[in-house]
Amino acid sequence: MTSDLVRIASPALSAQINPFGAELWRLQDGEGRDLLWDGDPAWWAGRAPLLFPIVGCLPDNRYTHAGRTFELPRHGFARRRAFEVVRQQPALARFRLAADAQTREAYPFDFVLEVEFEIQDAELRTTVSIANRGAEPMPATFGFHPAFRWPLPGAGERSDHAITFADEEPGPLRRVDAAGLLGAERMPAPTDGRLLPLRDELFVEDALIFEAPRSRSLRYGGAGGPSLAISWTGLPHLGIWTKPGAPYICIEPWHGMSAQAQAPSALTDRPDLLQLAPGAAEAFSMTVRLD
């Protein structure tokens, strides 16, 4: 679904955001070249969805809370809801989604989710705040899921692209099964120190999930030309994903991961959850800088 897009810009960078899902819809350099995937459904219709109140999947898409059973689809419902535009300036836009009768059918908590996009020079910063407005503790997970062009415009061949982490990243690495649930096995990462050369065979078994990466920043790009410096705060996990052969790569900082196949049915039993006390809030950010 496409609402009227909200545009913010500087001379070096421009972004368009769809209020439906508060999803980054387009990111372009100063020459108008696209850095973000265009959502072609032949590969994947997403562009940069926000994952809330869960990241990944639950067994049978169900969980229990206070003696009731609820259904939540993969990656939650925020990406399928219209956000209110609460602030709009030439280089800044803020969006809000609050709990209502429909969200409480799937997630019985009084939340407020705010998303702010701000451009300064050649940098886009996205800040997300999750607040618990209810009278009981609120479990939640959150994740970013942006898909960047692979190859980036002007950055050489697809086969020349790589991710360079801020620190060495030996793993452990996790994988999901055919149902999208987290496998128990932990394995070494296919990195060479800080370097992860990108190739399709890495993604035959779905995403690379860094359970506890040392890095909170990385660089993505080709052998020459422009690259993207990406950093994040408050998000201890990292997914990297594409479909083999697809012209995009998703770089996804998360707080939370898919449930394991034998995970307890109660949402509050998940070890990777945020647990927000009544009246509390948590904030996360992701920054993309064009270099």
C-alpha atoms as a PDB file:
ATOM      1  CA  MET A   1       0.000   0.000   0.000  1.00  0.00           C
ATOM      2  CA  THR A   2       1.319   3.441  -0.917  1.00  0.00           C
ATOM      3  CA  SER A   3       0.326   6.563   0.984  1.00  0.00           C
ATOM      4  CA  ASP A   4       1.500  10.046   0.033  1.00  0.00           C
ATOM      5  CA  LEU A   5       5.247   9.835   0.451  1.00  0.00           C
ATOM      6  CA  VAL A   6       7.020  12.236   2.795  1.00  0.00           C
ATOM      7  CA  ARG A   7      10.266  13.651   1.372  1.00  0.00           C
ATOM      8  CA  ILE A   8      13.239  14.972   3.312  1.00  0.00           C
ATOM      9  CA  ALA A   9      16.523  16.061   1.764  1.00  0.00           C
ATOM     10  CA  SER A  10      19.862  17.800   1.833  1.00  0.00           C
ATOM     11  CA  PRO A  11      21.961  18.668  -1.245  1.00  0.00           C
ATOM     12  CA  ALA A  12      23.844  15.375  -0.821  1.00  0.00           C
ATOM     13  CA  LEU A  13      21.040  12.945   0.062  1.00  0.00           C
ATOM     14  CA  SER A  14      17.266  12.613  -0.203  1.00  0.00           C
ATOM     15  CA  ALA A  15      14.782  10.169   1.307  1.00  0.00           C
ATOM     16  CA  GLN A  16      11.125   9.386   0.785  1.00  0.00           C
ATOM     17  CA  ILE A  17       9.143   7.687   3.551  1.00  0.00           C
ATOM     18  CA  ASN A  18       5.822   5.899   3.213  1.00  0.00           C
ATOM     19  CA  PRO A  19       3.559   6.566   6.219  1.00  0.00           C
ATOM     20  CA  PHE A  20       2.167   3.066   5.695  1.00  0.00           C
ATOM     21  CA  GLY A  21       4.608   1.208   7.919  1.00  0.00           C
ATOM     22  CA  ALA A  22       6.752   4.355   8.374  1.00  0.00           C
ATOM     23  CA  GLU A  23       8.913   2.606   5.794  1.00  0.00           C
ATOM     24  CA  LEU A  24      11.865   4.203   4.059  1.00  0.00           C
ATOM     25  CA  TRP A  25      10.734   4.019   0.441  1.00  0.00           C
ATOM     26  CA  ARG A  26      13.573   5.661  -1.435  1.00  0.00           C
ATOM     27  CA  LEU A  27      17.106   6.851  -0.696  1.00  0.00           C
ATOM     28  CA  GLN A  28      19.053   8.743  -3.354  1.00  0.00           C
ATOM     29  CA  ASP A  29      22.389  10.485  -3.599  1.00  0.00           C
ATOM     30  CA  GLY A  30      22.763  14.079  -4.762  1.00  0.00           C
ATOM     31  CA  GLU A  31      22.783  12.921  -8.392  1.00  0.00           C
ATOM     32  CA  GLY A  32      19.454  11.109  -8.018  1.00  0.00           C
ATOM     33  CA  ARG A  33      20.945   7.595  -8.024  1.00  0.00           C
ATOM     34  CA  ASP A  34      19.025   5.032  -5.978  1.00  0.00           C
ATOM     35  CA  LEU A  35      20.781   3.458  -3.000  1.00  0.00           C
ATOM     36  CA  LEU A  36      17.749   1.581  -1.678  1.00  0.00           C
ATOM     37  CA  TRP A  37      16.008  -1.426  -3.240  1.00  0.00           C
ATOM     38  CA  ASP A  38      12.835  -0.544  -5.187  1.00  0.00           C
ATOM     39  CA  GLY A  39      10.533  -3.281  -3.861  1.00  0.00           C
ATOM     40  CA  ASP A  40      10.131  -5.215  -7.108  1.00  0.00           C
ATOM     41  CA  PRO A  41       7.838  -8.105  -6.028  1.00  0.00           C
ATOM     42  CA  ALA A  42       9.543 -10.420  -8.514  1.00  0.00           C
ATOM     43  CA  TRP A  43      12.235 -10.649  -5.816  1.00  0.00           C
ATOM     44  CA  TRP A  44      10.865  -9.086  -2.638  1.00  0.00           C
ATOM     45  CA  ALA A  45       8.207  -6.415  -2.179  1.00  0.00           C
ATOM     46  CA  GLY A  46       9.788  -4.928   0.941  1.00  0.00           C
ATOM     47  CA  ARG A  47      12.154  -1.986   0.966  1.00  0.00           C
ATOM     48  CA  ALA A  48      12.975  -1.161   4.585  1.00  0.00           C
ATOM     49  CA  PRO A  49      10.207  -2.475   6.875  1.00  0.00           C
ATOM     50  CA  LEU A  50      10.230  -1.925  10.624  1.00  0.00           C
ATOM     51  CA  LEU A  51       9.933  -5.126  12.643  1.00  0.00           C
ATOM     52  CA  PHE A  52       7.659  -4.763  15.695  1.00  0.00           C
ATOM     53  CA  PRO A  53       6.533  -6.141  18.114  1.00  0.00           C
ATOM     54  CA  ILE A  54       8.489  -9.249  17.093  1.00  0.00           C
ATOM     55  CA  VAL A  55      11.509  -9.945  14.931  1.00  0.00           C
ATOM     56  CA  GLY A  56      11.202 -13.118  12.872  1.00  0.00           C
ATOM     57  CA  CYS A  57       8.708 -15.879  13.640  1.00  0.00           C
ATOM     58  CA  LEU A  58       6.889 -17.590  16.475  1.00  0.00           C
ATOM     59  CA  PRO A  59       6.020 -21.312  16.403  1.00  0.00           C
ATOM     60  CA  ASP A  60       2.784 -21.532  14.400  1.00  0.00           C
ATOM     61  CA  ASN A  61       2.688 -17.697  14.605  1.00  0.00           C
ATOM     62  CA  ARG A  62       1.175 -18.001  18.088  1.00  0.00           C
ATOM     63  CA  TYR A  63       2.059 -17.136  21.663  1.00  0.00           C
ATOM     64  CA  THR A  64       0.312 -17.094  25.035  1.00  0.00           C
ATOM     65  CA  HIS A  65      -0.122 -14.283  27.527  1.00  0.00           C
ATOM     66  CA  ALA A  66      -2.229 -14.143  30.693  1.00  0.00           C
ATOM     67  CA  GLY A  67      -3.974 -17.379  29.787  1.00  0.00           C
ATOM     68  CA  ARG A  68      -4.909 -16.315  26.254  1.00  0.00           C
ATOM     69  CA  THR A  69      -3.506 -17.326  22.868  1.00  0.00           C
ATOM     70  CA  PHE A  70      -2.659 -14.634  20.318  1.00  0.00           C
ATOM     71  CA  GLU A  71      -1.504 -14.736  16.696  1.00  0.00           C
ATOM     72  CA  LEU A  72       1.321 -12.577  15.356  1.00  0.00           C
ATOM     73  CA  PRO A  73       2.612 -12.823  11.786  1.00  0.00           C
ATOM     74  CA  ARG A  74       6.290 -12.924  10.902  1.00  0.00           C
ATOM     75  CA  HIS A  75       8.016  -9.658  11.865  1.00  0.00           C
ATOM     76  CA  GLY A  76       4.861  -8.343  13.571  1.00  0.00           C
ATOM     77  CA  PHE A  77       2.263  -5.875  12.365  1.00  0.00           C
ATOM     78  CA  ALA A  78       3.906  -2.416  12.347  1.00  0.00           C
ATOM     79  CA  ARG A  79       4.924  -2.765   8.702  1.00  0.00           C
ATOM     80  CA  ARG A  80       1.236  -3.274   7.815  1.00  0.00           C
ATOM     81  CA  ARG A  81      -0.174  -0.282   9.697  1.00  0.00           C
ATOM     82  CA  ALA A  82      -0.614   3.368   8.747  1.00  0.00           C
ATOM     83  CA  PHE A  83       1.421   5.716  10.953  1.00  0.00           C
ATOM     84  CA  GLU A  84       0.416   9.270  11.783  1.00  0.00           C
ATOM     85  CA  VAL A  85       2.733  11.971  10.445  1.00  0.00           C
ATOM     86  CA  VAL A  86       3.353  14.077  13.559  1.00  0.00           C
ATOM     87  CA  ARG A  87       6.158  16.325  12.308  1.00  0.00           C
ATOM     88  CA  GLN A  88       7.454  17.275   8.885  1.00  0.00           C
ATOM     89  CA  GLN A  89      10.298  19.644   8.039  1.00  0.00           C
ATOM     90  CA  PRO A  90      12.603  19.894   5.007  1.00  0.00           C
ATOM     91  CA  ALA A  91      15.158  17.494   6.509  1.00  0.00           C
ATOM     92  CA  LEU A  92      13.186  15.762   9.283  1.00  0.00           C
ATOM     93  CA  ALA A  93       9.987  13.715   9.576  1.00  0.00           C
ATOM     94  CA  ARG A  94       8.436  11.911  12.524  1.00  0.00           C
ATOM     95  CA  PHE A  95       5.760   9.210  12.527  1.00  0.00           C
ATOM     96  CA  ARG A  96       3.711   7.583  15.299  1.00  0.00           C
ATOM     97  CA  LEU A  97       1.759   4.367  15.762  1.00  0.00           C
ATOM     98  CA  ALA A  98      -0.214   3.817  18.981  1.00  0.00           C
ATOM     99  CA  ALA A  99      -2.065   0.784  20.257  1.00  0.00           C
ATOM    100  CA  ASP A 100      -5.713   0.483  19.262  1.00  0.00           C
ATOM    101  CA  ALA A 101      -8.430  -2.158  19.274  1.00  0.00           C
ATOM    102  CA  GLN A 102      -6.975  -3.887  16.221  1.00  0.00           C
ATOM    103  CA  THR A 103      -3.422  -4.144  17.562  1.00  0.00           C
ATOM    104  CA  ARG A 104      -4.690  -5.399  20.941  1.00  0.00           C
ATOM    105  CA  GLU A 105      -6.258  -8.388  19.213  1.00  0.00           C
ATOM    106  CA  ALA A 106      -2.721  -9.544  18.345  1.00  0.00           C
ATOM    107  CA  TYR A 107      -0.668  -7.816  21.044  1.00  0.00           C
ATOM    108  CA  PRO A 108      -2.538  -6.800  24.227  1.00  0.00           C
ATOM    109  CA  PHE A 109      -0.244  -3.981  25.303  1.00  0.00           C
ATOM    110  CA  ASP A 110      -0.579  -0.191  25.238  1.00  0.00           C
ATOM    111  CA  PHE A 111       2.451   0.857  23.209  1.00  0.00           C
ATOM    112  CA  VAL A 112       3.496   3.979  21.347  1.00  0.00           C
ATOM    113  CA  LEU A 113       5.993   3.492  18.504  1.00  0.00           C
ATOM    114  CA  GLU A 114       7.630   6.660  17.166  1.00  0.00           C
ATOM    115  CA  VAL A 115      10.004   6.797  14.207  1.00  0.00           C
ATOM    116  CA  GLU A 116      12.043   9.851  13.256  1.00  0.00           C
ATOM    117  CA  PHE A 117      14.045  10.260  10.045  1.00  0.00           C
ATOM    118  CA  GLU A 118      16.585  13.080   9.809  1.00  0.00           C
ATOM    119  CA  ILE A 119      19.065  13.952   7.067  1.00  0.00           C
ATOM    120  CA  GLN A 120      22.213  15.946   7.757  1.00  0.00           C
ATOM    121  CA  ASP A 121      24.542  16.402   4.787  1.00  0.00           C
ATOM    122  CA  ALA A 122      25.113  12.866   3.377  1.00  0.00           C
ATOM    123  CA  GLU A 123      23.755  11.027   6.431  1.00  0.00           C
ATOM    124  CA  LEU A 124      20.322   9.612   7.217  1.00  0.00           C
ATOM    125  CA  ARG A 125      19.634   8.850  10.863  1.00  0.00           C
ATOM    126  CA  THR A 126      16.546   6.847  11.874  1.00  0.00           C
ATOM    127  CA  THR A 127      15.603   6.919  15.556  1.00  0.00           C
ATOM    128  CA  VAL A 128      12.909   4.659  16.974  1.00  0.00           C
ATOM    129  CA  SER A 129      11.290   4.953  20.392  1.00  0.00           C
ATOM    130  CA  ILE A 130       9.073   2.271  21.943  1.00  0.00           C
ATOM    131  CA  ALA A 131       7.051   3.343  24.999  1.00  0.00           C
ATOM    132  CA  ASN A 132       4.874   1.307  27.357  1.00  0.00           C
ATOM    133  CA  ARG A 133       1.771   3.309  28.227  1.00  0.00           C
ATOM    134  CA  GLY A 134       0.111   0.424  30.023  1.00  0.00           C
ATOM    135  CA  ALA A 135      -0.055  -0.725  33.637  1.00  0.00           C
ATOM    136  CA  GLU A 136       1.824  -4.033  33.181  1.00  0.00           C
ATOM    137  CA  PRO A 137       5.305  -4.918  31.892  1.00  0.00           C
ATOM    138  CA  MET A 138       5.438  -5.026  28.086  1.00  0.00           C
ATOM    139  CA  PRO A 139       7.566  -7.596  26.210  1.00  0.00           C
ATOM    140  CA  ALA A 140       8.713  -6.602  22.726  1.00  0.00           C
ATOM    141  CA  THR A 141      11.401  -6.987  20.105  1.00  0.00           C
ATOM    142  CA  PHE A 142      12.352  -4.559  17.351  1.00  0.00           C
ATOM    143  CA  GLY A 143      14.443  -4.584  14.210  1.00  0.00           C
ATOM    144  CA  PHE A 144      15.448  -2.571  11.146  1.00  0.00           C
ATOM    145  CA  HIS A 145      15.272  -4.339   7.755  1.00  0.00           C
ATOM    146  CA  PRO A 146      16.593  -2.003   5.007  1.00  0.00           C
ATOM    147  CA  ALA A 147      17.512  -3.448   1.599  1.00  0.00           C
ATOM    148  CA  PHE A 148      20.333  -1.664  -0.221  1.00  0.00           C
ATOM    149  CA  ARG A 149      21.171  -1.985  -3.899  1.00  0.00           C
ATOM    150  CA  TRP A 150      23.619  -4.734  -4.733  1.00  0.00           C
ATOM    151  CA  PRO A 151      25.576  -3.466  -6.579  1.00  0.00           C
ATOM    152  CA  LEU A 152      25.512   0.130  -5.408  1.00  0.00           C
ATOM    153  CA  PRO A 153      25.400   2.648  -8.281  1.00  0.00           C
ATOM    154  CA  GLY A 154      28.871   3.521  -9.484  1.00  0.00           C
ATOM    155  CA  ALA A 155      30.546   1.036  -7.108  1.00  0.00           C
ATOM    156  CA  GLY A 156      31.628  -1.646  -9.580  1.00  0.00           C
ATOM    157  CA  GLU A 157      30.440  -5.173 -10.166  1.00  0.00           C
ATOM    158  CA  ARG A 158      28.139  -7.106  -7.858  1.00  0.00           C
ATOM    159  CA  SER A 159      30.881  -9.691  -7.299  1.00  0.00           C
ATOM    160  CA  ASP A 160      33.208  -6.970  -5.950  1.00  0.00           C
ATOM    161  CA  HIS A 161      30.924  -5.979  -3.058  1.00  0.00           C
ATOM    162  CA  ALA A 162      31.699  -6.774   0.557  1.00  0.00           C
ATOM    163  CA  ILE A 163      30.858  -5.817   4.118  1.00  0.00           C
ATOM    164  CA  THR A 164      33.711  -4.644   6.324  1.00  0.00           C
ATOM    165  CA  PHE A 165      32.894  -4.710  10.040  1.00  0.00           C
ATOM    166  CA  ALA A 166      34.366  -2.338  12.602  1.00  0.00           C
ATOM    167  CA  ASP A 167      35.770  -5.329  14.528  1.00  0.00           C
ATOM    168  CA  GLU A 168      36.634  -8.912  13.713  1.00  0.00           C
ATOM    169  CA  GLU A 169      33.467 -11.033  13.571  1.00  0.00           C
ATOM    170  CA  PRO A 170      34.222 -14.752  13.942  1.00  0.00           C
ATOM    171  CA  GLY A 171      30.678 -15.592  15.098  1.00  0.00           C
ATOM    172  CA  PRO A 172      28.792 -17.399  16.493  1.00  0.00           C
ATOM    173  CA  LEU A 173      26.376 -17.469  13.589  1.00  0.00           C
ATOM    174  CA  ARG A 174      22.797 -18.762  13.719  1.00  0.00           C
ATOM    175  CA  ARG A 175      20.405 -19.888  10.981  1.00  0.00           C
ATOM    176  CA  VAL A 176      16.635 -20.284  10.669  1.00  0.00           C
ATOM    177  CA  ASP A 177      14.823 -23.382   9.446  1.00  0.00           C
ATOM    178  CA  ALA A 178      12.191 -23.684   6.692  1.00  0.00           C
ATOM    179  CA  ALA A 179       9.530 -22.362   9.089  1.00  0.00           C
ATOM    180  CA  GLY A 180      11.626 -19.301   9.912  1.00  0.00           C
ATOM    181  CA  LEU A 181      12.472 -20.536  13.426  1.00  0.00           C
ATOM    182  CA  LEU A 182      15.924 -20.265  14.941  1.00  0.00           C
ATOM    183  CA  GLY A 183      18.095 -23.364  14.834  1.00  0.00           C
ATOM    184  CA  ALA A 184      19.955 -24.465  17.955  1.00  0.00           C
ATOM    185  CA  GLU A 185      23.301 -24.877  16.177  1.00  0.00           C
ATOM    186  CA  ARG A 186      25.959 -22.187  16.438  1.00  0.00           C
ATOM    187  CA  MET A 187      28.656 -22.039  13.787  1.00  0.00           C
ATOM    188  CA  PRO A 188      31.635 -19.896  12.749  1.00  0.00           C
ATOM    189  CA  ALA A 189      30.918 -16.889  10.552  1.00  0.00           C
ATOM    190  CA  PRO A 190      32.159 -16.926   6.909  1.00  0.00           C
ATOM    191  CA  THR A 191      34.309 -13.876   7.582  1.00  0.00           C
ATOM    192  CA  ASP A 192      37.990 -13.193   7.079  1.00  0.00           C
ATOM    193  CA  GLY A 193      38.702 -11.089  10.134  1.00  0.00           C
ATOM    194  CA  ARG A 194      36.607  -7.959   9.582  1.00  0.00           C
ATOM    195  CA  LEU A 195      35.752  -8.767   5.950  1.00  0.00           C
ATOM    196  CA  LEU A 196      32.634 -10.535   4.658  1.00  0.00           C
ATOM    197  CA  PRO A 197      32.827 -10.893   0.849  1.00  0.00           C
ATOM    198  CA  LEU A 198      29.268 -11.081  -0.462  1.00  0.00           C
ATOM    199  CA  ARG A 199      28.297 -14.049  -2.615  1.00  0.00           C
ATOM    200  CA  ASP A 200      24.982 -15.718  -3.316  1.00  0.00           C
ATOM    201  CA  GLU A 201      25.803 -19.108  -1.826  1.00  0.00           C
ATOM    202  CA  LEU A 202      25.956 -17.547   1.648  1.00  0.00           C
ATOM    203  CA  PHE A 203      22.183 -17.074   1.543  1.00  0.00           C
ATOM    204  CA  VAL A 204      20.954 -20.423   0.215  1.00  0.00           C
ATOM    205  CA  GLU A 205      19.946 -21.251   3.795  1.00  0.00           C
ATOM    206  CA  ASP A 206      18.381 -17.831   4.432  1.00  0.00           C
ATOM    207  CA  ALA A 207      19.921 -15.080   6.567  1.00  0.00           C
ATOM    208  CA  LEU A 208      23.282 -14.911   8.281  1.00  0.00           C
ATOM    209  CA  ILE A 209      22.391 -14.140  11.906  1.00  0.00           C
ATOM    210  CA  PHE A 210      25.197 -12.757  14.064  1.00  0.00           C
ATOM    211  CA  GLU A 211      23.976 -13.578  17.559  1.00  0.00           C
ATOM    212  CA  ALA A 212      26.334 -11.257  19.428  1.00  0.00           C
ATOM    213  CA  PRO A 213      28.400  -9.189  16.995  1.00  0.00           C
ATOM    214  CA  ARG A 214      31.234  -7.158  18.439  1.00  0.00           C
ATOM    215  CA  SER A 215      30.672  -4.408  15.885  1.00  0.00           C
ATOM    216  CA  ARG A 216      28.114  -1.644  16.026  1.00  0.00           C
ATOM    217  CA  SER A 217      29.133  -0.308  12.624  1.00  0.00           C
ATOM    218  CA  LEU A 218      30.223  -1.539   9.208  1.00  0.00           C
ATOM    219  CA  ARG A 219      30.936  -0.402   5.682  1.00  0.00           C
ATOM    220  CA  TYR A 220      29.176  -1.803   2.627  1.00  0.00           C
ATOM    221  CA  GLY A 221      30.356  -1.234  -0.925  1.00  0.00           C
ATOM    222  CA  GLY A 222      32.277  -2.378  -3.977  1.00  0.00           C
ATOM    223  CA  ALA A 223      35.869  -2.245  -5.094  1.00  0.00           C
ATOM    224  CA  GLY A 224      35.594   1.462  -5.896  1.00  0.00           C
ATOM    225  CA  GLY A 225      33.128   4.304  -5.996  1.00  0.00           C
ATOM    226  CA  PRO A 226      30.637   5.210  -3.268  1.00  0.00           C
ATOM    227  CA  SER A 227      30.063   3.101  -0.177  1.00  0.00           C
ATOM    228  CA  LEU A 228      27.673   3.175   2.780  1.00  0.00           C
ATOM    229  CA  ALA A 229      28.889   3.543   6.358  1.00  0.00           C
ATOM    230  CA  ILE A 230      26.192   2.020   8.584  1.00  0.00           C
ATOM    231  CA  SER A 231      26.017   2.188  12.380  1.00  0.00           C
ATOM    232  CA  TRP A 232      23.414   1.425  15.039  1.00  0.00           C
ATOM    233  CA  THR A 233      22.734   1.746  18.771  1.00  0.00           C
ATOM    234  CA  GLY A 234      20.769  -0.348  21.255  1.00  0.00           C
ATOM    235  CA  LEU A 235      20.501  -3.385  18.969  1.00  0.00           C
ATOM    236  CA  PRO A 236      22.643  -6.393  19.987  1.00  0.00           C
ATOM    237  CA  HIS A 237      21.930  -8.751  17.043  1.00  0.00           C
ATOM    238  CA  LEU A 238      22.555  -8.445  13.306  1.00  0.00           C
ATOM    239  CA  GLY A 239      20.965 -10.180  10.334  1.00  0.00           C
ATOM    240  CA  ILE A 240      22.310 -10.058   6.772  1.00  0.00           C
ATOM    241  CA  TRP A 241      19.995 -11.424   4.111  1.00  0.00           C
ATOM    242  CA  THR A 242      19.102 -11.630   0.455  1.00  0.00           C
ATOM    243  CA  LYS A 243      17.647 -14.143  -1.939  1.00  0.00           C
ATOM    244  CA  PRO A 244      20.394 -15.727  -4.064  1.00  0.00           C
ATOM    245  CA  GLY A 245      20.721 -13.695  -7.257  1.00  0.00           C
ATOM    246  CA  ALA A 246      18.649 -10.761  -5.998  1.00  0.00           C
ATOM    247  CA  PRO A 247      19.919  -7.206  -6.628  1.00  0.00           C
ATOM    248  CA  TYR A 248      19.772  -6.143  -2.969  1.00  0.00           C
ATOM    249  CA  ILE A 249      21.380  -6.913   0.377  1.00  0.00           C
ATOM    250  CA  CYS A 250      19.592  -6.391   3.690  1.00  0.00           C
ATOM    251  CA  ILE A 251      21.643  -5.199   6.663  1.00  0.00           C
ATOM    252  CA  GLU A 252      19.434  -5.614   9.731  1.00  0.00           C
ATOM    253  CA  PRO A 253      20.298  -4.630  13.311  1.00  0.00           C
ATOM    254  CA  TRP A 254      17.809  -6.213  15.739  1.00  0.00           C
ATOM    255  CA  HIS A 255      16.901  -6.439  19.388  1.00  0.00           C
ATOM    256  CA  GLY A 256      15.506  -9.971  19.329  1.00  0.00           C
ATOM    257  CA  MET A 257      15.509 -12.892  16.928  1.00  0.00           C
ATOM    258  CA  SER A 258      13.112 -15.599  15.751  1.00  0.00           C
ATOM    259  CA  ALA A 259      11.908 -18.032  18.374  1.00  0.00           C
ATOM    260  CA  GLN A 260      13.401 -21.510  18.451  1.00  0.00           C
ATOM    261  CA  ALA A 261      11.214 -24.402  17.358  1.00  0.00           C
ATOM    262  CA  GLN A 262      10.844 -25.653  20.946  1.00  0.00           C
ATOM    263  CA  ALA A 263      10.554 -22.203  22.521  1.00  0.00           C
ATOM    264  CA  PRO A 264       8.066 -21.699  25.365  1.00  0.00           C
ATOM    265  CA  SER A 265       4.724 -20.432  24.144  1.00  0.00           C
ATOM    266  CA  ALA A 266       4.657 -17.518  26.600  1.00  0.00           C
ATOM    267  CA  LEU A 267       6.077 -14.397  24.973  1.00  0.00           C
ATOM    268  CA  THR A 268       7.634 -13.288  28.271  1.00  0.00           C
ATOM    269  CA  ASP A 269       9.812 -16.437  28.409  1.00  0.00           C
ATOM    270  CA  ARG A 270      11.942 -15.327  25.444  1.00  0.00           C
ATOM    271  CA  PRO A 271      15.497 -14.448  26.610  1.00  0.00           C
ATOM    272  CA  ASP A 272      16.103 -11.883  23.852  1.00  0.00           C
ATOM    273  CA  LEU A 273      13.089  -9.701  24.628  1.00  0.00           C
ATOM    274  CA  LEU A 274      12.903  -6.161  25.832  1.00  0.00           C
ATOM    275  CA  GLN A 275      10.872  -5.976  29.024  1.00  0.00           C
ATOM    276  CA  LEU A 276       9.506  -2.449  29.330  1.00  0.00           C
ATOM    277  CA  ALA A 277       8.161  -1.462  32.735  1.00  0.00           C
ATOM    278  CA  PRO A 278       4.963   0.612  32.890  1.00  0.00           C
ATOM    279  CA  GLY A 279       5.781   4.129  31.766  1.00  0.00           C
ATOM    280  CA  ALA A 280       9.217   3.150  30.421  1.00  0.00           C
ATOM    281  CA  ALA A 281      10.605   3.661  26.921  1.00  0.00           C
ATOM    282  CA  GLU A 282      13.547   2.382  24.878  1.00  0.00           C
ATOM    283  CA  ALA A 283      15.213   4.071  21.914  1.00  0.00           C
ATOM    284  CA  PHE A 284      17.241   2.651  19.011  1.00  0.00           C
ATOM    285  CA  SER A 285      18.927   4.219  16.036  1.00  0.00           C
ATOM    286  CA  MET A 286      20.417   3.327  12.668  1.00  0.00           C
ATOM    287  CA  THR A 287      22.564   5.713  10.637  1.00  0.00           C
ATOM    288  CA  VAL A 288      23.433   5.418   6.950  1.00  0.00           C
ATOM    289  CA  ARG A 289      26.128   7.714   5.592  1.00  0.00           C
ATOM    290  CA  LEU A 290      27.084   7.939   1.935  1.00  0.00           C
ATOM    291  CA  ASP A 291      30.867   8.101   1.532  1.00  0.00           C
END
